[in-house]
Amino acid sequence: MRRVVLPVSPLTAKAFAPYGHVLSPAGGRDTGREGYDIWIQPFASESRPRLQIVRYHARPFVVALIERHLHVTEARQPLGGSPAIIVVAEPSEAPPKPEALRAFRLDGDGVLFHRGTWHAIDAYPEHGSHADFLFLSEEATVNELFDNPGRAPERTQVHDFGVAGIELVIDANPLIRKPNP
């Protein structure tokens, strides 16, 4: 099995631009009034939006499955607690080469993936037992993935690096969780 190690990059708007948008109040506001400001985010879905809270449990920093959604952007906003690492690659028809993936540390700011951005299914808490996220997607995509676990999805593409003979490890040094033997 070939092993690829991904370093973790700081999350900045410029570094994350190929994959989506950083969700933070940066730049001039879009609208608002006395007492509050509003920054409008480019969320888009082809079916009813679905807002949920997702808890990612601690696990080894090994990425097996990545996916990309064809009909929705997707937002993940940390809800405090442990910082977490996400893994992404630019939108493309074919699954990305492992060296094209990037790992980012989320600690406060969230992200909004471009439609079609490849991303690890999981987020990886740096420490502690879990990391909680506010997660915005769409009903049709989420239902397809969870209601039909044995069927190939139509709204999402999934790629398994393990089946391709690749061990993809996130280098969160010195906090890396060792893979299970």
N, C-alpha and C. Protein backbone atom coordinates (compact mmCIF):
# COMPACT_ATOMS: atom_id res chain seq x y z
N MET A 1 0.86 -1.18 0.00
CA MET A 1 0.00 0.00 0.00
C MET A 1 0.90 1.24 0.00
N ARG A 2 0.59 2.18 -0.86
CA ARG A 2 1.34 3.44 -0.94
C ARG A 2 0.81 4.39 0.12
N ARG A 3 1.73 5.05 0.86
CA ARG A 3 1.34 5.97 1.93
C ARG A 3 1.60 7.41 1.49
N VAL A 4 0.59 8.27 1.64
CA VAL A 4 0.69 9.69 1.33
C VAL A 4 0.35 10.45 2.60
N VAL A 5 1.23 11.40 2.98
CA VAL A 5 1.03 12.19 4.19
C VAL A 5 0.67 13.61 3.80
N LEU A 6 -0.44 14.11 4.34
CA LEU A 6 -0.91 15.47 4.06
C LEU A 6 -0.58 16.38 5.24
N PRO A 7 0.18 17.46 5.00
CA PRO A 7 0.39 18.43 6.08
C PRO A 7 -0.89 19.23 6.29
N VAL A 8 -1.06 19.79 7.47
CA VAL A 8 -2.23 20.62 7.78
C VAL A 8 -1.87 22.07 7.58
N SER A 9 -2.69 22.77 6.79
CA SER A 9 -2.47 24.19 6.49
C SER A 9 -3.39 25.06 7.33
N PRO A 10 -2.94 26.28 7.64
CA PRO A 10 -3.85 27.22 8.30
C PRO A 10 -4.99 27.59 7.35
N LEU A 11 -6.16 27.84 7.90
CA LEU A 11 -7.32 28.21 7.10
C LEU A 11 -7.29 29.72 6.85
N THR A 12 -7.10 30.10 5.59
CA THR A 12 -7.20 31.51 5.18
C THR A 12 -8.11 31.56 3.96
N ALA A 13 -8.71 32.71 3.71
CA ALA A 13 -9.59 32.86 2.55
C ALA A 13 -8.83 32.58 1.26
N LYS A 14 -7.60 33.05 1.15
CA LYS A 14 -6.82 32.84 -0.08
C LYS A 14 -6.47 31.36 -0.27
N ALA A 15 -6.02 30.70 0.79
CA ALA A 15 -5.63 29.29 0.68
C ALA A 15 -6.83 28.39 0.39
N PHE A 16 -8.01 28.76 0.90
CA PHE A 16 -9.20 27.92 0.73
C PHE A 16 -10.00 28.25 -0.53
N ALA A 17 -9.68 29.34 -1.22
CA ALA A 17 -10.46 29.81 -2.38
C ALA A 17 -10.71 28.74 -3.46
N PRO A 18 -9.75 27.87 -3.79
CA PRO A 18 -10.05 26.86 -4.82
C PRO A 18 -11.14 25.86 -4.41
N TYR A 19 -11.44 25.76 -3.11
CA TYR A 19 -12.36 24.75 -2.60
C TYR A 19 -13.69 25.33 -2.15
N GLY A 20 -13.71 26.64 -1.88
CA GLY A 20 -14.92 27.28 -1.39
C GLY A 20 -14.61 28.57 -0.68
N HIS A 21 -15.44 28.91 0.29
CA HIS A 21 -15.33 30.16 1.02
C HIS A 21 -15.15 29.90 2.51
N VAL A 22 -14.36 30.75 3.15
CA VAL A 22 -14.26 30.71 4.60
C VAL A 22 -15.44 31.51 5.15
N LEU A 23 -16.13 30.92 6.11
CA LEU A 23 -17.28 31.59 6.71
C LEU A 23 -16.81 32.42 7.89
N SER A 24 -16.57 33.69 7.61
CA SER A 24 -16.19 34.61 8.68
C SER A 24 -16.57 36.02 8.25
N PRO A 25 -16.78 36.89 9.20
CA PRO A 25 -17.15 38.27 8.86
C PRO A 25 -15.92 39.07 8.42
N ALA A 26 -15.51 38.89 7.17
CA ALA A 26 -14.33 39.57 6.64
C ALA A 26 -14.74 40.53 5.53
N GLY A 27 -14.01 41.59 5.39
CA GLY A 27 -14.33 42.58 4.36
C GLY A 27 -15.54 43.40 4.75
N GLY A 28 -15.99 44.20 3.81
CA GLY A 28 -17.16 45.03 4.07
C GLY A 28 -18.42 44.21 4.18
N ARG A 29 -19.32 44.65 5.01
CA ARG A 29 -20.58 43.94 5.18
C ARG A 29 -21.42 44.04 3.91
N ASP A 30 -22.35 43.10 3.73
CA ASP A 30 -23.26 43.13 2.59
C ASP A 30 -24.50 43.96 2.87
N THR A 31 -24.96 43.92 4.09
CA THR A 31 -26.14 44.67 4.49
C THR A 31 -26.18 44.72 6.02
N GLY A 32 -27.25 45.21 6.56
CA GLY A 32 -27.40 45.29 8.01
C GLY A 32 -28.13 46.57 8.37
N ARG A 33 -28.03 46.92 9.63
CA ARG A 33 -28.63 48.16 10.12
C ARG A 33 -27.91 48.53 11.41
N GLU A 34 -28.37 49.56 12.05
CA GLU A 34 -27.76 49.99 13.31
C GLU A 34 -27.74 48.82 14.30
N GLY A 35 -26.57 48.45 14.77
CA GLY A 35 -26.47 47.40 15.77
C GLY A 35 -26.06 46.04 15.26
N TYR A 36 -26.11 45.80 13.93
CA TYR A 36 -25.58 44.53 13.43
C TYR A 36 -25.23 44.62 11.95
N ASP A 37 -24.31 43.75 11.55
CA ASP A 37 -23.84 43.66 10.17
C ASP A 37 -24.16 42.27 9.63
N ILE A 38 -24.33 42.18 8.30
CA ILE A 38 -24.66 40.91 7.66
C ILE A 38 -23.70 40.68 6.49
N TRP A 39 -23.13 39.48 6.44
CA TRP A 39 -22.33 39.03 5.31
C TRP A 39 -23.08 37.88 4.66
N ILE A 40 -23.51 38.05 3.43
CA ILE A 40 -24.29 37.03 2.72
C ILE A 40 -23.33 36.00 2.13
N GLN A 41 -23.65 34.73 2.32
CA GLN A 41 -22.81 33.64 1.84
C GLN A 41 -23.47 32.98 0.63
N PRO A 42 -22.68 32.46 -0.32
CA PRO A 42 -23.24 31.93 -1.57
C PRO A 42 -23.71 30.48 -1.49
N PHE A 43 -24.50 30.13 -0.47
CA PHE A 43 -25.03 28.77 -0.37
C PHE A 43 -26.03 28.55 -1.49
N ALA A 44 -26.00 27.35 -2.10
CA ALA A 44 -26.94 27.00 -3.17
C ALA A 44 -27.30 25.53 -3.07
N SER A 45 -28.59 25.22 -3.31
CA SER A 45 -29.03 23.83 -3.32
C SER A 45 -30.15 23.69 -4.33
N GLU A 46 -30.30 22.48 -4.84
CA GLU A 46 -31.36 22.22 -5.82
C GLU A 46 -32.58 21.59 -5.17
N SER A 47 -32.49 21.23 -3.91
CA SER A 47 -33.66 20.76 -3.17
C SER A 47 -33.70 21.52 -1.85
N ARG A 48 -34.63 21.16 -1.01
CA ARG A 48 -34.83 21.86 0.26
C ARG A 48 -33.56 21.81 1.12
N PRO A 49 -33.12 22.95 1.65
CA PRO A 49 -31.94 22.95 2.52
C PRO A 49 -32.17 22.09 3.77
N ARG A 50 -31.08 21.57 4.30
CA ARG A 50 -31.15 20.77 5.53
C ARG A 50 -30.06 21.25 6.47
N LEU A 51 -30.48 21.75 7.63
CA LEU A 51 -29.56 22.23 8.66
C LEU A 51 -29.52 21.18 9.77
N GLN A 52 -28.34 20.75 10.11
CA GLN A 52 -28.21 19.72 11.14
C GLN A 52 -26.94 19.95 11.96
N ILE A 53 -26.88 19.33 13.11
CA ILE A 53 -25.66 19.33 13.92
C ILE A 53 -25.04 17.96 13.75
N VAL A 54 -23.74 17.95 13.42
CA VAL A 54 -23.01 16.70 13.21
C VAL A 54 -21.90 16.63 14.24
N ARG A 55 -21.78 15.50 14.90
CA ARG A 55 -20.69 15.26 15.85
C ARG A 55 -19.71 14.28 15.21
N TYR A 56 -18.49 14.74 15.00
CA TYR A 56 -17.43 13.88 14.49
C TYR A 56 -16.64 13.36 15.68
N HIS A 57 -16.59 12.04 15.82
CA HIS A 57 -15.88 11.41 16.93
C HIS A 57 -14.40 11.28 16.61
N ALA A 58 -13.58 11.28 17.66
CA ALA A 58 -12.14 11.11 17.49
C ALA A 58 -11.86 9.79 16.77
N ARG A 59 -10.89 9.84 15.89
CA ARG A 59 -10.51 8.67 15.09
C ARG A 59 -9.08 8.86 14.61
N PRO A 60 -8.44 7.80 14.13
CA PRO A 60 -7.11 7.99 13.55
C PRO A 60 -7.17 8.98 12.39
N PHE A 61 -6.10 9.73 12.17
CA PHE A 61 -6.05 10.73 11.11
C PHE A 61 -5.73 10.07 9.78
N VAL A 62 -6.61 9.17 9.37
CA VAL A 62 -6.45 8.44 8.10
C VAL A 62 -7.72 8.67 7.29
N VAL A 63 -7.56 9.16 6.06
CA VAL A 63 -8.69 9.44 5.18
C VAL A 63 -8.88 8.27 4.24
N ALA A 64 -10.04 7.66 4.29
CA ALA A 64 -10.35 6.56 3.38
C ALA A 64 -11.28 7.06 2.27
N LEU A 65 -12.41 7.64 2.67
CA LEU A 65 -13.43 8.02 1.69
C LEU A 65 -13.48 9.53 1.49
N ILE A 66 -13.56 9.92 0.22
CA ILE A 66 -13.85 11.31 -0.13
C ILE A 66 -15.08 11.32 -1.01
N GLU A 67 -15.74 12.47 -1.06
CA GLU A 67 -16.95 12.60 -1.87
C GLU A 67 -17.02 14.00 -2.44
N ARG A 68 -17.88 14.15 -3.45
CA ARG A 68 -18.20 15.48 -3.98
C ARG A 68 -19.68 15.49 -4.30
N HIS A 69 -20.34 16.59 -3.98
CA HIS A 69 -21.77 16.72 -4.20
C HIS A 69 -22.02 17.53 -5.47
N LEU A 70 -22.91 17.02 -6.30
CA LEU A 70 -23.15 17.60 -7.61
C LEU A 70 -24.26 18.64 -7.63
N HIS A 71 -25.11 18.67 -6.59
CA HIS A 71 -26.30 19.52 -6.62
C HIS A 71 -26.38 20.52 -5.47
N VAL A 72 -25.32 20.63 -4.67
CA VAL A 72 -25.40 21.50 -3.50
C VAL A 72 -24.00 21.96 -3.11
N THR A 73 -23.93 23.17 -2.59
CA THR A 73 -22.74 23.58 -1.87
C THR A 73 -22.95 22.98 -0.48
N GLU A 74 -21.95 22.99 0.36
CA GLU A 74 -22.12 22.41 1.69
C GLU A 74 -21.34 23.25 2.68
N ALA A 75 -21.95 23.57 3.81
CA ALA A 75 -21.28 24.41 4.81
C ALA A 75 -21.07 23.62 6.09
N ARG A 76 -19.89 23.85 6.70
CA ARG A 76 -19.56 23.26 7.99
C ARG A 76 -19.02 24.36 8.89
N GLN A 77 -19.69 24.56 10.01
CA GLN A 77 -19.31 25.60 10.96
C GLN A 77 -19.06 24.98 12.32
N PRO A 78 -17.81 25.03 12.84
CA PRO A 78 -17.54 24.47 14.16
C PRO A 78 -18.41 25.15 15.22
N LEU A 79 -18.83 24.36 16.20
CA LEU A 79 -19.65 24.88 17.30
C LEU A 79 -18.85 24.96 18.59
N GLY A 80 -17.58 25.25 18.48
CA GLY A 80 -16.74 25.31 19.67
C GLY A 80 -16.15 23.95 19.96
N GLY A 81 -15.46 23.83 21.06
CA GLY A 81 -14.83 22.57 21.40
C GLY A 81 -13.52 22.40 20.66
N SER A 82 -13.15 21.17 20.43
CA SER A 82 -11.87 20.86 19.81
C SER A 82 -11.78 21.38 18.39
N PRO A 83 -10.64 21.99 18.01
CA PRO A 83 -10.43 22.28 16.59
C PRO A 83 -10.46 20.96 15.82
N ALA A 84 -10.81 21.02 14.56
CA ALA A 84 -10.90 19.81 13.73
C ALA A 84 -10.23 20.06 12.39
N ILE A 85 -9.84 18.99 11.76
CA ILE A 85 -9.17 19.04 10.46
C ILE A 85 -10.11 18.51 9.40
N ILE A 86 -10.19 19.23 8.28
CA ILE A 86 -10.94 18.77 7.12
C ILE A 86 -9.96 18.58 5.97
N VAL A 87 -10.34 17.74 5.01
CA VAL A 87 -9.51 17.45 3.85
C VAL A 87 -10.33 17.73 2.60
N VAL A 88 -9.75 18.47 1.64
CA VAL A 88 -10.46 18.87 0.43
C VAL A 88 -9.57 18.76 -0.80
N ALA A 89 -10.22 18.74 -1.97
CA ALA A 89 -9.53 18.84 -3.26
C ALA A 89 -10.45 19.63 -4.19
N GLU A 90 -9.85 20.25 -5.19
CA GLU A 90 -10.63 21.07 -6.11
C GLU A 90 -11.67 20.24 -6.86
N PRO A 91 -12.77 20.90 -7.26
CA PRO A 91 -13.78 20.20 -8.06
C PRO A 91 -13.16 19.63 -9.34
N SER A 92 -13.52 18.41 -9.66
CA SER A 92 -13.07 17.76 -10.90
C SER A 92 -13.98 16.58 -11.16
N GLU A 93 -14.04 16.16 -12.42
CA GLU A 93 -14.88 15.01 -12.78
C GLU A 93 -14.33 13.72 -12.20
N ALA A 94 -13.02 13.55 -12.29
CA ALA A 94 -12.37 12.33 -11.81
C ALA A 94 -11.89 12.55 -10.37
N PRO A 95 -11.82 11.48 -9.60
CA PRO A 95 -11.28 11.63 -8.24
C PRO A 95 -9.86 12.19 -8.30
N PRO A 96 -9.50 13.03 -7.34
CA PRO A 96 -8.18 13.65 -7.36
C PRO A 96 -7.08 12.65 -6.98
N LYS A 97 -5.87 12.95 -7.42
CA LYS A 97 -4.72 12.20 -6.94
C LYS A 97 -4.53 12.56 -5.48
N PRO A 98 -4.03 11.64 -4.66
CA PRO A 98 -3.91 11.94 -3.23
C PRO A 98 -3.05 13.16 -2.95
N GLU A 99 -2.05 13.42 -3.77
CA GLU A 99 -1.19 14.58 -3.57
C GLU A 99 -1.90 15.91 -3.82
N ALA A 100 -3.08 15.86 -4.46
CA ALA A 100 -3.85 17.08 -4.75
C ALA A 100 -4.74 17.48 -3.58
N LEU A 101 -4.87 16.62 -2.58
CA LEU A 101 -5.71 16.96 -1.43
C LEU A 101 -4.97 17.89 -0.48
N ARG A 102 -5.75 18.73 0.21
CA ARG A 102 -5.20 19.65 1.20
C ARG A 102 -5.95 19.46 2.51
N ALA A 103 -5.24 19.58 3.60
CA ALA A 103 -5.85 19.50 4.93
C ALA A 103 -5.82 20.88 5.57
N PHE A 104 -6.94 21.28 6.18
CA PHE A 104 -7.06 22.57 6.84
C PHE A 104 -7.57 22.37 8.27
N ARG A 105 -7.08 23.20 9.15
CA ARG A 105 -7.49 23.18 10.56
C ARG A 105 -8.61 24.21 10.74
N LEU A 106 -9.77 23.75 11.25
CA LEU A 106 -10.89 24.64 11.54
C LEU A 106 -10.93 24.87 13.04
N ASP A 107 -10.82 26.13 13.41
CA ASP A 107 -10.86 26.50 14.83
C ASP A 107 -11.59 27.84 14.93
N GLY A 108 -12.91 27.77 14.85
CA GLY A 108 -13.72 28.99 14.92
C GLY A 108 -14.42 29.28 13.60
N ASP A 109 -13.64 29.58 12.55
CA ASP A 109 -14.24 29.85 11.25
C ASP A 109 -14.73 28.55 10.62
N GLY A 110 -15.80 28.66 9.84
CA GLY A 110 -16.32 27.53 9.10
C GLY A 110 -15.97 27.64 7.63
N VAL A 111 -16.49 26.72 6.83
CA VAL A 111 -16.23 26.71 5.40
C VAL A 111 -17.52 26.43 4.64
N LEU A 112 -17.57 26.91 3.41
CA LEU A 112 -18.64 26.62 2.47
C LEU A 112 -17.98 26.08 1.22
N PHE A 113 -18.15 24.78 0.95
CA PHE A 113 -17.52 24.16 -0.22
C PHE A 113 -18.19 24.64 -1.51
N HIS A 114 -17.39 24.84 -2.56
CA HIS A 114 -17.97 25.03 -3.89
C HIS A 114 -18.72 23.75 -4.25
N ARG A 115 -19.69 23.88 -5.11
CA ARG A 115 -20.36 22.69 -5.65
C ARG A 115 -19.29 21.83 -6.35
N GLY A 116 -19.28 20.54 -6.04
CA GLY A 116 -18.33 19.63 -6.68
C GLY A 116 -16.97 19.52 -6.01
N THR A 117 -16.73 20.27 -4.93
CA THR A 117 -15.45 20.16 -4.22
C THR A 117 -15.36 18.77 -3.58
N TRP A 118 -14.25 18.08 -3.83
CA TRP A 118 -14.00 16.80 -3.17
C TRP A 118 -13.67 17.08 -1.71
N HIS A 119 -14.17 16.27 -0.80
CA HIS A 119 -13.87 16.44 0.62
C HIS A 119 -13.98 15.10 1.35
N ALA A 120 -13.18 14.97 2.39
CA ALA A 120 -13.29 13.77 3.23
C ALA A 120 -14.68 13.76 3.85
N ILE A 121 -15.23 12.58 3.97
CA ILE A 121 -16.54 12.46 4.58
C ILE A 121 -16.48 12.88 6.05
N ASP A 122 -15.37 12.57 6.69
CA ASP A 122 -15.21 12.88 8.11
C ASP A 122 -14.44 14.18 8.31
N ALA A 123 -14.61 14.75 9.49
CA ALA A 123 -13.71 15.78 10.01
C ALA A 123 -12.99 15.09 11.17
N TYR A 124 -11.80 15.56 11.50
CA TYR A 124 -10.95 14.87 12.47
C TYR A 124 -10.62 15.79 13.64
N PRO A 125 -11.27 15.56 14.82
CA PRO A 125 -10.97 16.39 15.98
C PRO A 125 -9.49 16.26 16.34
N GLU A 126 -8.86 17.41 16.65
CA GLU A 126 -7.44 17.38 17.02
C GLU A 126 -7.21 16.67 18.35
N HIS A 127 -8.11 16.88 19.29
CA HIS A 127 -7.98 16.26 20.61
C HIS A 127 -9.36 16.12 21.21
N GLY A 128 -9.46 15.41 22.30
CA GLY A 128 -10.76 15.19 22.93
C GLY A 128 -11.53 14.10 22.22
N SER A 129 -12.76 13.91 22.65
CA SER A 129 -13.56 12.80 22.14
C SER A 129 -14.34 13.12 20.87
N HIS A 130 -14.56 14.44 20.59
CA HIS A 130 -15.38 14.78 19.42
C HIS A 130 -15.26 16.26 19.08
N ALA A 131 -15.81 16.60 17.92
CA ALA A 131 -15.98 18.00 17.50
C ALA A 131 -17.37 18.12 16.89
N ASP A 132 -18.11 19.16 17.30
CA ASP A 132 -19.46 19.38 16.80
C ASP A 132 -19.46 20.47 15.74
N PHE A 133 -20.30 20.27 14.72
CA PHE A 133 -20.41 21.21 13.62
C PHE A 133 -21.87 21.49 13.31
N LEU A 134 -22.16 22.73 12.95
CA LEU A 134 -23.40 23.08 12.29
C LEU A 134 -23.15 22.77 10.82
N PHE A 135 -24.05 22.04 10.22
CA PHE A 135 -23.82 21.46 8.90
C PHE A 135 -25.01 21.82 8.02
N LEU A 136 -24.78 22.52 6.91
CA LEU A 136 -25.84 22.92 6.00
C LEU A 136 -25.64 22.22 4.67
N SER A 137 -26.64 21.43 4.27
CA SER A 137 -26.59 20.71 3.00
C SER A 137 -27.98 20.77 2.38
N GLU A 138 -28.40 19.72 1.71
CA GLU A 138 -29.76 19.67 1.15
C GLU A 138 -30.38 18.31 1.43
N GLU A 139 -31.69 18.30 1.56
CA GLU A 139 -32.44 17.09 1.89
C GLU A 139 -32.17 15.95 0.91
N ALA A 140 -32.29 16.20 -0.39
CA ALA A 140 -32.18 15.12 -1.37
C ALA A 140 -30.83 14.42 -1.31
N THR A 141 -29.76 15.18 -1.18
CA THR A 141 -28.42 14.58 -1.11
C THR A 141 -28.23 13.80 0.19
N VAL A 142 -28.59 14.39 1.32
CA VAL A 142 -28.43 13.71 2.61
C VAL A 142 -29.30 12.45 2.65
N ASN A 143 -30.54 12.55 2.22
CA ASN A 143 -31.43 11.38 2.24
C ASN A 143 -30.89 10.27 1.36
N GLU A 144 -30.40 10.60 0.19
CA GLU A 144 -29.86 9.59 -0.71
C GLU A 144 -28.70 8.83 -0.05
N LEU A 145 -27.82 9.54 0.63
CA LEU A 145 -26.65 8.90 1.23
C LEU A 145 -27.00 8.05 2.45
N PHE A 146 -27.98 8.48 3.26
CA PHE A 146 -28.28 7.75 4.48
C PHE A 146 -29.45 6.79 4.36
N ASP A 147 -30.37 7.00 3.43
CA ASP A 147 -31.53 6.12 3.29
C ASP A 147 -31.25 4.91 2.40
N ASN A 148 -30.22 4.99 1.58
CA ASN A 148 -29.90 3.91 0.63
C ASN A 148 -28.43 3.53 0.73
N PRO A 149 -27.98 3.05 1.88
CA PRO A 149 -26.54 2.84 2.08
C PRO A 149 -25.89 1.84 1.13
N GLY A 150 -26.62 0.92 0.55
CA GLY A 150 -26.03 -0.06 -0.37
C GLY A 150 -26.02 0.37 -1.82
N ARG A 151 -26.80 1.39 -2.15
CA ARG A 151 -26.92 1.82 -3.54
C ARG A 151 -25.92 2.91 -3.88
N ALA A 152 -25.47 2.90 -5.14
CA ALA A 152 -24.58 3.96 -5.60
C ALA A 152 -25.37 5.27 -5.68
N PRO A 153 -24.87 6.33 -5.07
CA PRO A 153 -25.60 7.61 -5.10
C PRO A 153 -25.56 8.24 -6.49
N GLU A 154 -26.57 9.05 -6.79
CA GLU A 154 -26.62 9.76 -8.06
C GLU A 154 -26.27 11.24 -7.89
N ARG A 155 -26.46 11.77 -6.71
CA ARG A 155 -26.21 13.19 -6.46
C ARG A 155 -24.80 13.44 -5.92
N THR A 156 -24.07 12.36 -5.63
CA THR A 156 -22.76 12.44 -5.02
C THR A 156 -21.84 11.41 -5.67
N GLN A 157 -20.57 11.77 -5.85
CA GLN A 157 -19.56 10.81 -6.26
C GLN A 157 -18.72 10.49 -5.03
N VAL A 158 -18.38 9.22 -4.86
CA VAL A 158 -17.59 8.76 -3.72
C VAL A 158 -16.36 8.03 -4.24
N HIS A 159 -15.22 8.25 -3.59
CA HIS A 159 -13.98 7.56 -3.96
C HIS A 159 -13.34 7.00 -2.70
N ASP A 160 -12.88 5.74 -2.78
CA ASP A 160 -12.25 5.06 -1.65
C ASP A 160 -10.77 4.88 -1.92
N PHE A 161 -9.92 5.63 -1.19
CA PHE A 161 -8.47 5.52 -1.38
C PHE A 161 -7.94 4.16 -0.95
N GLY A 162 -8.53 3.57 0.08
CA GLY A 162 -8.09 2.25 0.55
C GLY A 162 -8.22 1.20 -0.53
N VAL A 163 -9.36 1.19 -1.24
CA VAL A 163 -9.56 0.25 -2.32
C VAL A 163 -8.53 0.47 -3.43
N ALA A 164 -8.09 1.73 -3.60
CA ALA A 164 -7.09 2.07 -4.61
C ALA A 164 -5.67 1.76 -4.13
N GLY A 165 -5.54 1.20 -2.92
CA GLY A 165 -4.22 0.84 -2.40
C GLY A 165 -3.42 2.01 -1.85
N ILE A 166 -4.13 3.04 -1.37
CA ILE A 166 -3.46 4.24 -0.87
C ILE A 166 -3.87 4.48 0.57
N GLU A 167 -2.88 4.68 1.44
CA GLU A 167 -3.13 5.08 2.81
C GLU A 167 -2.86 6.58 2.88
N LEU A 168 -3.90 7.35 3.10
CA LEU A 168 -3.81 8.81 3.13
C LEU A 168 -3.86 9.27 4.58
N VAL A 169 -2.75 9.79 5.09
CA VAL A 169 -2.62 10.13 6.50
C VAL A 169 -2.46 11.64 6.64
N ILE A 170 -3.18 12.22 7.59
CA ILE A 170 -3.07 13.64 7.89
C ILE A 170 -1.94 13.81 8.90
N ASP A 171 -0.99 14.69 8.60
CA ASP A 171 0.12 14.96 9.51
C ASP A 171 -0.24 16.15 10.40
N ALA A 172 -0.89 15.85 11.51
CA ALA A 172 -1.26 16.90 12.47
C ALA A 172 -0.21 16.93 13.57
N ASN A 173 1.01 16.63 13.20
CA ASN A 173 2.12 16.55 14.13
C ASN A 173 2.12 17.74 15.09
N PRO A 174 2.24 17.57 16.36
CA PRO A 174 2.52 16.32 17.07
C PRO A 174 1.27 15.62 17.57
N LEU A 175 0.09 16.00 17.09
CA LEU A 175 -1.14 15.47 17.62
C LEU A 175 -1.69 14.28 16.86
N ILE A 176 -0.93 13.74 15.92
CA ILE A 176 -1.45 12.68 15.05
C ILE A 176 -1.90 11.47 15.84
N ARG A 177 -3.07 10.99 15.49
CA ARG A 177 -3.58 9.74 16.07
C ARG A 177 -3.07 8.62 15.19
N LYS A 178 -2.49 7.63 15.78
CA LYS A 178 -1.93 6.52 15.03
C LYS A 178 -3.05 5.66 14.47
N PRO A 179 -2.89 5.18 13.21
CA PRO A 179 -3.89 4.27 12.65
C PRO A 179 -3.96 2.98 13.48
N ASN A 180 -5.12 2.38 13.50
CA ASN A 180 -5.25 1.09 14.19
C ASN A 180 -4.45 0.05 13.42
N PRO A 181 -3.76 -0.88 14.13
CA PRO A 181 -2.96 -1.89 13.43
C PRO A 181 -3.82 -2.85 12.65
